[in-house]
Amino acid sequence: MNTTESVFNVIRELILELKDDEIENITLESTIEALDLDSLDFVEMQVVVRKTLGVSMDPKAFASGDISTLQALCDYILGLTQAAQAPA
């Protein structure tokens, strides 16, 4: 089962690869804007999340502005994984 910490670790590692930032600069409170993530970064994130966590993110989730922090992103992904694991 995925936890906030496990999802955050996946996202943080990806951001470290994409942005060559320092690990201590990337926290759950970090904003998407402050991390300077662009649309190509979001596409890469969607691919990694699908391969690593087994869920597909809606591309519109970022465009809507509802996901403004890494905490919100982790919560969104956790919601997707819980929905995918729910019995039909």
Protein backbone atom coordinates (compact mmCIF):
# COMPACT_ATOMS: atom_id res chain seq x y z
CA MET A 1 0.00 0.00 0.00
CA ASN A 2 1.25 3.44 -0.87
CA THR A 3 1.74 6.09 1.78
CA THR A 4 2.35 9.81 1.56
CA GLU A 5 6.01 9.14 2.31
CA SER A 6 6.42 6.51 -0.41
CA VAL A 7 4.67 8.66 -3.02
CA PHE A 8 6.69 11.71 -1.95
CA ASN A 9 9.94 9.75 -2.29
CA VAL A 10 9.07 8.83 -5.89
CA ILE A 11 8.15 12.43 -6.74
CA ARG A 12 11.18 13.90 -4.95
CA GLU A 13 13.60 11.58 -6.78
CA LEU A 14 12.05 12.56 -10.11
CA ILE A 15 12.31 16.27 -9.32
CA LEU A 16 15.93 15.81 -8.29
CA GLU A 17 16.61 14.24 -11.70
CA LEU A 18 14.66 16.87 -13.64
CA LYS A 19 15.83 19.98 -11.82
CA ASP A 20 19.19 19.02 -10.32
CA ASP A 21 18.11 20.58 -7.03
CA GLU A 22 19.26 19.85 -3.49
CA ILE A 23 17.23 17.21 -1.66
CA GLU A 24 16.67 19.43 1.39
CA ASN A 25 15.00 22.03 -0.86
CA ILE A 26 12.24 19.61 -1.83
CA THR A 27 9.64 19.15 0.91
CA LEU A 28 5.94 18.41 1.07
CA GLU A 29 5.37 22.14 1.51
CA SER A 30 7.29 23.00 -1.69
CA THR A 31 5.07 24.67 -4.25
CA ILE A 32 4.93 23.56 -7.86
CA GLU A 33 5.67 27.14 -8.84
CA ALA A 34 8.77 27.40 -6.63
CA LEU A 35 10.12 24.16 -8.09
CA ASP A 36 9.77 25.69 -11.57
CA LEU A 37 8.11 22.61 -13.04
CA ASP A 38 6.94 23.01 -16.61
CA SER A 39 4.58 21.04 -18.83
CA LEU A 40 7.29 18.63 -19.97
CA ASP A 41 8.16 17.92 -16.34
CA PHE A 42 4.50 17.11 -15.71
CA VAL A 43 4.46 14.70 -18.64
CA GLU A 44 7.55 12.96 -17.26
CA MET A 45 5.90 12.85 -13.83
CA GLN A 46 2.80 11.21 -15.32
CA VAL A 47 4.95 8.52 -16.95
CA VAL A 48 6.94 7.82 -13.78
CA VAL A 49 3.82 7.70 -11.60
CA ARG A 50 2.13 5.30 -14.01
CA LYS A 51 5.19 3.01 -14.19
CA THR A 52 6.12 3.18 -10.50
CA LEU A 53 2.80 3.51 -8.72
CA GLY A 54 0.46 1.99 -11.29
CA VAL A 55 -1.99 4.88 -11.66
CA SER A 56 -2.67 7.35 -14.45
CA MET A 57 -2.79 11.03 -13.60
CA ASP A 58 -5.17 13.35 -15.42
CA PRO A 59 -3.09 15.92 -17.34
CA LYS A 60 -5.71 18.53 -16.46
CA ALA A 61 -4.96 18.08 -12.75
CA PHE A 62 -1.95 20.38 -13.04
CA ALA A 63 -3.57 22.87 -15.37
CA SER A 64 -6.52 23.35 -13.02
CA GLY A 65 -4.27 24.84 -10.34
CA ASP A 66 -5.76 22.56 -7.68
CA ILE A 67 -2.35 20.96 -7.16
CA SER A 68 -0.15 23.74 -5.86
CA THR A 69 2.16 21.90 -3.43
CA LEU A 70 3.88 18.55 -3.33
CA GLN A 71 1.57 17.61 -0.43
CA ALA A 72 -1.44 18.24 -2.67
CA LEU A 73 0.21 16.20 -5.44
CA CYS A 74 0.88 13.29 -3.07
CA ASP A 75 -2.69 13.44 -1.78
CA TYR A 76 -4.00 13.41 -5.36
CA ILE A 77 -1.86 10.39 -6.28
CA LEU A 78 -2.84 8.57 -3.07
CA GLY A 79 -6.49 9.16 -3.93
CA LEU A 80 -5.92 7.61 -7.34
CA THR A 81 -4.17 4.56 -5.89
CA GLN A 82 -6.90 4.04 -3.30
CA ALA A 83 -9.59 4.30 -5.97
CA ALA A 84 -7.70 1.80 -8.15
CA GLN A 85 -7.43 -0.65 -5.24
CA ALA A 86 -11.07 -0.36 -4.16
CA PRO A 87 -13.16 -3.45 -4.85
CA ALA A 88 -15.42 -3.13 -7.85
